[in-house]
Amino acid sequence: MNRKDFIKATLLTSLTGAAMKLNALNKIVEHYDETDKMPVLFVGHGRPMNAIEDNVFSREMKQMGKNVPKPKAILMVSAHWETKGTFVTAQEKPSTIHDFGGFPEELFQTQYPAPGSKWLAEETKLTVKKTVIGLDETWGFDHGCWSVTKNMFPQATIPIIQLSLDYTKPAHYHYELAQQLASLRKKGVLIIGSGNMVHNLGMISMRSADFNAPFGHDWAIEANEIFKKHILTNEHQPLINYSSLGKAVALSIPTPEHYLPLIYILALKEEKENLTLLSDILVGGSISMTSVKIG
């Protein structure tokens, strides 16, 4: 008996017809139906203003949403949720977190009222064997999440959970953990990593007030090219051991939280899957907006 049939049989024996109608039962077990394998995405999210501006990056995110099958749910790995240990959000109605400062009031008033998914939270907890996944009832959608999904899925109807980044663990740990999420791709789950693979706020250039205009420091361009070379040739070990890739990469990753979501997405690539680079632009001198679509 497969997992879906087992769950259905268990529910039928434990619940009377008066307590649960068959269509309600089917709604529960439909989560366990296999689907065509979903793609995975790494999105360079950049400034929070991309959530409300009409620019090349917000338009690319909108196009990404149109170019993927409609997911049953989304699992988001955002640069902006770091924890000791690994957690997933498990509340039914996550809040919209405005985790930034110095932006227009319009941005602070922006809400993204997508539902959470207790099913996906529990399924992720059961699927990952590498570590214990905690269920978090307090974290909402940080801007690494909603600035992306607001563009991709503006109706805010697709359930979303976030998976936190354990800041105490090295990159190879995150890569191995991510590999255990692969089965979710055949359950209608779209897995998205949200960060920037070159991200050094301390080295942002003020030569232009337009942070949507292409511009990269020499070291940032060099690092971006190094990352792309290894991504396109499926050489993941150098990307996992990024500290050995030289000075340009060291400048590009002063702290790892914006880089690690890329590692999660690369870990999910199967050998013969197509890979496409999108939004391959540097802005502000030290931010790469390069995104990756797999599948």
Protein backbone atom coordinates (compact mmCIF):
# COMPACT_ATOMS: atom_id res chain seq x y z
CA MET A 1 0.00 0.00 0.00
CA ASN A 2 1.44 3.38 -0.97
CA ARG A 3 1.65 6.31 1.40
CA LYS A 4 -1.41 8.09 0.04
CA ASP A 5 -3.63 4.99 0.28
CA PHE A 6 -2.33 4.24 3.77
CA ILE A 7 -3.19 7.75 4.99
CA LYS A 8 -6.62 7.57 3.40
CA ALA A 9 -7.36 4.17 4.91
CA THR A 10 -6.19 5.33 8.33
CA LEU A 11 -8.39 8.40 8.23
CA LEU A 12 -11.39 6.43 7.06
CA THR A 13 -11.09 3.94 9.89
CA SER A 14 -10.60 6.61 12.55
CA LEU A 15 -13.24 9.11 11.44
CA THR A 16 -16.95 8.60 10.93
CA GLY A 17 -18.74 9.81 7.83
CA ALA A 18 -20.44 12.48 9.88
CA ALA A 19 -17.10 13.86 10.99
CA MET A 20 -15.51 14.00 7.60
CA LYS A 21 -17.05 13.88 4.16
CA LEU A 22 -15.23 12.14 1.37
CA ASN A 23 -14.41 15.35 -0.49
CA ALA A 24 -12.76 16.78 2.64
CA LEU A 25 -10.78 13.56 2.95
CA ASN A 26 -9.66 13.82 -0.65
CA LYS A 27 -8.54 17.40 -0.04
CA ILE A 28 -6.17 16.20 2.68
CA VAL A 29 -4.64 13.33 0.76
CA GLU A 30 -4.28 15.25 -2.52
CA HIS A 31 -1.09 16.73 -1.06
CA TYR A 32 0.46 13.28 -1.44
CA ASP A 33 -0.36 12.92 -5.14
CA GLU A 34 2.76 12.88 -7.27
CA THR A 35 3.10 15.64 -9.86
CA ASP A 36 5.49 16.36 -12.66
CA LYS A 37 8.81 17.43 -11.19
CA MET A 38 8.73 21.12 -10.34
CA PRO A 39 11.61 23.43 -11.31
CA VAL A 40 13.74 25.10 -8.65
CA LEU A 41 14.78 28.76 -8.60
CA PHE A 42 17.47 30.93 -7.10
CA VAL A 43 16.34 34.56 -7.28
CA GLY A 44 18.63 37.54 -6.82
CA HIS A 45 16.23 39.65 -4.79
CA GLY A 46 18.26 42.86 -4.40
CA ARG A 47 16.64 45.92 -2.85
CA PRO A 48 13.24 45.64 -1.11
CA MET A 49 12.01 48.33 -3.53
CA ASN A 50 11.91 45.64 -6.23
CA ALA A 51 8.66 44.57 -4.58
CA ILE A 52 6.86 47.75 -5.64
CA GLU A 53 8.92 49.21 -8.49
CA ASP A 54 8.42 48.45 -12.16
CA ASN A 55 11.98 47.68 -13.25
CA VAL A 56 13.95 45.05 -15.12
CA PHE A 57 14.22 42.87 -12.01
CA SER A 58 10.57 42.98 -10.96
CA ARG A 59 9.57 42.26 -14.56
CA GLU A 60 11.93 39.26 -14.67
CA MET A 61 10.42 37.91 -11.43
CA LYS A 62 6.93 38.31 -12.89
CA GLN A 63 8.05 36.37 -15.95
CA MET A 64 9.50 33.62 -13.75
CA GLY A 65 6.10 33.19 -12.15
CA LYS A 66 4.49 32.81 -15.56
CA ASN A 67 7.10 30.32 -16.74
CA VAL A 68 6.70 27.72 -14.00
CA PRO A 69 3.78 25.33 -13.43
CA LYS A 70 1.40 26.59 -10.77
CA PRO A 71 2.72 25.13 -7.50
CA LYS A 72 0.60 23.54 -4.79
CA ALA A 73 2.90 25.25 -2.28
CA ILE A 74 6.22 27.09 -2.08
CA LEU A 75 9.21 26.37 0.13
CA MET A 76 11.32 29.51 0.42
CA VAL A 77 14.93 29.65 1.63
CA SER A 78 15.56 33.35 2.31
CA ALA A 79 18.81 35.07 3.23
CA HIS A 80 16.91 36.99 5.87
CA TRP A 81 15.96 34.21 8.28
CA GLU A 82 18.99 32.93 10.17
CA THR A 83 18.61 30.73 13.23
CA LYS A 84 20.59 28.43 15.48
CA GLY A 85 19.19 25.11 14.32
CA THR A 86 16.87 24.65 11.36
CA PHE A 87 13.20 25.62 11.41
CA VAL A 88 10.21 25.92 9.10
CA THR A 89 7.33 28.32 9.52
CA ALA A 90 4.19 26.47 10.55
CA GLN A 91 1.51 29.09 11.15
CA GLU A 92 -1.63 29.31 9.05
CA LYS A 93 -1.53 33.10 8.50
CA PRO A 94 2.07 34.36 8.43
CA SER A 95 2.63 38.09 8.88
CA THR A 96 4.44 40.32 6.40
CA ILE A 97 7.73 41.36 8.02
CA HIS A 98 9.22 44.74 7.10
CA ASP A 99 12.79 43.94 8.10
CA PHE A 100 14.53 47.04 6.71
CA GLY A 101 14.76 50.78 7.21
CA GLY A 102 15.10 54.01 5.26
CA PHE A 103 12.60 53.23 2.50
CA PRO A 104 9.35 54.98 1.48
CA GLU A 105 6.24 54.49 3.59
CA GLU A 106 4.56 52.73 0.66
CA LEU A 107 6.96 49.82 1.13
CA PHE A 108 6.20 49.54 4.85
CA GLN A 109 2.47 49.48 4.07
CA THR A 110 2.87 46.64 1.59
CA GLN A 111 1.33 43.35 2.70
CA TYR A 112 1.58 39.87 1.19
CA PRO A 113 -1.25 37.85 2.79
CA ALA A 114 -0.46 34.40 1.38
CA PRO A 115 -1.42 31.48 3.63
CA GLY A 116 1.06 29.23 5.35
CA SER A 117 1.04 25.45 4.97
CA LYS A 118 1.03 23.19 8.01
CA TRP A 119 1.04 20.23 5.62
CA LEU A 120 4.29 21.34 3.95
CA ALA A 121 5.86 22.24 7.28
CA GLU A 122 5.14 18.74 8.62
CA GLU A 123 6.16 17.09 5.35
CA THR A 124 9.49 18.95 5.35
CA LYS A 125 10.10 17.92 8.95
CA LEU A 126 9.45 14.27 8.03
CA THR A 127 11.46 14.40 4.80
CA VAL A 128 14.70 15.81 6.23
CA LYS A 129 16.71 13.22 8.14
CA LYS A 130 20.00 15.14 8.40
CA THR A 131 18.81 17.26 11.30
CA VAL A 132 15.75 17.90 13.45
CA ILE A 133 13.50 20.48 11.81
CA GLY A 134 11.71 22.67 14.30
CA LEU A 135 8.24 24.12 13.69
CA ASP A 136 8.18 27.89 14.19
CA GLU A 137 4.92 29.72 14.92
CA THR A 138 6.34 33.26 15.13
CA TRP A 139 8.32 34.09 11.97
CA GLY A 140 6.35 35.47 9.03
CA PHE A 141 7.42 36.33 5.50
CA ASP A 142 10.61 38.43 5.51
CA HIS A 143 11.38 40.66 2.54
CA GLY A 144 13.66 38.05 1.01
CA CYS A 145 10.49 36.02 0.61
CA TRP A 146 7.66 38.43 -0.14
CA SER A 147 9.57 40.85 -2.37
CA VAL A 148 10.03 37.86 -4.71
CA THR A 149 6.67 36.11 -4.39
CA LYS A 150 4.72 39.37 -4.64
CA ASN A 151 6.11 39.73 -8.15
CA MET A 152 5.90 36.06 -9.10
CA PHE A 153 2.47 35.31 -7.66
CA PRO A 154 0.73 38.66 -6.97
CA GLN A 155 -2.61 37.06 -6.03
CA ALA A 156 -1.01 35.74 -2.80
CA THR A 157 -3.10 32.55 -2.89
CA ILE A 158 -0.32 29.92 -2.99
CA PRO A 159 0.63 28.56 0.47
CA ILE A 160 4.23 29.35 1.49
CA ILE A 161 6.58 28.19 4.21
CA GLN A 162 10.09 29.44 4.90
CA LEU A 163 13.06 27.24 5.79
CA SER A 164 15.63 28.95 8.00
CA LEU A 165 19.41 29.04 7.56
CA ASP A 166 21.37 27.59 10.47
CA TYR A 167 24.15 30.17 10.83
CA THR A 168 26.31 27.74 12.83
CA LYS A 169 26.75 25.31 9.92
CA PRO A 170 29.15 25.35 6.92
CA ALA A 171 28.07 25.36 3.28
CA HIS A 172 28.48 21.60 2.76
CA TYR A 173 25.95 21.00 5.56
CA HIS A 174 23.38 23.17 3.77
CA TYR A 175 24.09 21.43 0.46
CA GLU A 176 23.50 17.98 1.97
CA LEU A 177 20.37 19.13 3.78
CA ALA A 178 18.97 20.60 0.57
CA GLN A 179 19.46 17.31 -1.29
CA GLN A 180 16.96 15.72 1.09
CA LEU A 181 14.27 18.14 -0.11
CA ALA A 182 14.30 16.66 -3.63
CA SER A 183 11.18 14.52 -3.16
CA LEU A 184 9.09 17.65 -2.55
CA ARG A 185 9.58 18.61 -6.19
CA LYS A 186 7.28 15.73 -7.20
CA LYS A 187 4.60 16.86 -4.75
CA GLY A 188 3.91 20.16 -6.48
CA VAL A 189 6.30 22.17 -4.27
CA LEU A 190 8.25 25.01 -5.85
CA ILE A 191 11.53 25.46 -3.96
CA ILE A 192 13.01 28.97 -4.18
CA GLY A 193 16.28 30.30 -2.82
CA SER A 194 16.32 34.08 -2.37
CA GLY A 195 19.56 36.01 -1.91
CA ASN A 196 22.39 37.49 -3.99
CA MET A 197 25.52 35.53 -4.84
CA VAL A 198 27.61 38.72 -4.78
CA HIS A 199 26.44 40.76 -1.80
CA ASN A 200 28.64 43.29 0.00
CA LEU A 201 26.63 46.21 1.37
CA GLY A 202 29.75 47.81 2.79
CA MET A 203 31.20 48.23 -0.71
CA ILE A 204 28.14 49.66 -2.46
CA SER A 205 29.06 52.49 -4.80
CA MET A 206 27.31 55.82 -4.43
CA ARG A 207 28.44 57.05 -7.85
CA SER A 208 24.89 56.64 -9.13
CA ALA A 209 21.58 57.16 -7.36
CA ASP A 210 20.00 54.61 -9.70
CA PHE A 211 20.50 51.19 -8.11
CA ASN A 212 18.75 49.57 -11.05
CA ALA A 213 21.49 50.73 -13.44
CA PRO A 214 24.08 48.04 -14.27
CA PHE A 215 27.43 48.62 -12.55
CA GLY A 216 29.90 46.29 -10.84
CA HIS A 217 33.29 46.76 -9.22
CA ASP A 218 36.04 44.77 -10.95
CA TRP A 219 36.22 42.26 -8.10
CA ALA A 220 32.43 41.80 -8.11
CA ILE A 221 32.42 41.15 -11.85
CA GLU A 222 35.28 38.67 -11.43
CA ALA A 223 33.50 36.80 -8.63
CA ASN A 224 30.22 36.71 -10.54
CA GLU A 225 32.01 35.17 -13.51
CA ILE A 226 33.68 32.57 -11.27
CA PHE A 227 30.31 31.60 -9.80
CA LYS A 228 28.66 31.36 -13.22
CA LYS A 229 31.47 29.23 -14.63
CA HIS A 230 31.07 26.62 -11.89
CA ILE A 231 27.28 26.78 -12.02
CA LEU A 232 27.15 26.21 -15.77
CA THR A 233 29.64 23.33 -15.66
CA ASN A 234 27.93 21.63 -12.68
CA GLU A 235 31.05 21.97 -10.55
CA HIS A 236 29.47 22.35 -7.16
CA GLN A 237 32.38 21.50 -4.87
CA PRO A 238 34.29 24.75 -5.60
CA LEU A 239 31.07 26.66 -4.87
CA ILE A 240 30.61 24.78 -1.61
CA ASN A 241 34.25 25.48 -0.70
CA TYR A 242 33.94 29.10 -1.78
CA SER A 243 36.52 30.36 0.70
CA SER A 244 39.21 28.83 -1.53
CA LEU A 245 38.13 30.75 -4.64
CA GLY A 246 40.26 33.83 -4.05
CA LYS A 247 40.10 37.46 -2.98
CA ALA A 248 37.31 38.55 -5.33
CA VAL A 249 35.00 35.88 -3.92
CA ALA A 250 36.02 36.75 -0.35
CA LEU A 251 34.97 40.36 -1.00
CA SER A 252 31.72 39.13 -2.53
CA ILE A 253 30.76 36.94 0.44
CA PRO A 254 31.74 38.87 3.59
CA THR A 255 28.96 36.91 5.33
CA PRO A 256 27.33 33.80 3.82
CA GLU A 257 23.60 34.31 4.34
CA HIS A 258 22.89 35.77 0.86
CA TYR A 259 25.05 33.15 -0.83
CA LEU A 260 23.74 30.01 0.90
CA PRO A 261 20.28 30.02 -0.77
CA LEU A 262 22.16 29.44 -4.06
CA ILE A 263 23.78 26.33 -2.52
CA TYR A 264 20.32 24.97 -1.65
CA ILE A 265 19.14 25.32 -5.23
CA LEU A 266 22.26 23.83 -6.83
CA ALA A 267 22.00 20.82 -4.51
CA LEU A 268 18.64 19.99 -6.08
CA LYS A 269 19.90 19.89 -9.66
CA GLU A 270 19.80 16.48 -11.31
CA GLU A 271 22.57 15.56 -13.72
CA LYS A 272 20.79 16.17 -17.03
CA GLU A 273 18.46 18.98 -16.00
CA ASN A 274 18.51 22.22 -17.95
CA LEU A 275 19.88 25.29 -16.19
CA THR A 276 19.28 28.90 -17.23
CA LEU A 277 20.78 32.14 -15.93
CA LEU A 278 18.45 35.13 -15.62
CA SER A 279 18.83 38.80 -14.60
CA ASP A 280 22.60 38.52 -14.95
CA ILE A 281 23.36 42.11 -13.94
CA LEU A 282 25.44 43.72 -11.19
CA VAL A 283 24.11 46.85 -9.50
CA GLY A 284 25.48 49.29 -6.94
CA GLY A 285 28.96 47.98 -7.63
CA SER A 286 28.71 45.07 -5.22
CA ILE A 287 25.35 43.31 -5.70
CA SER A 288 24.76 40.56 -8.27
CA MET A 289 21.16 40.12 -9.38
CA THR A 290 21.97 36.89 -11.25
CA SER A 291 19.21 34.31 -10.88
CA VAL A 292 19.17 30.60 -11.71
CA LYS A 293 16.35 28.40 -13.03
CA ILE A 294 16.76 24.63 -12.96
CA GLY A 295 14.31 22.38 -14.77
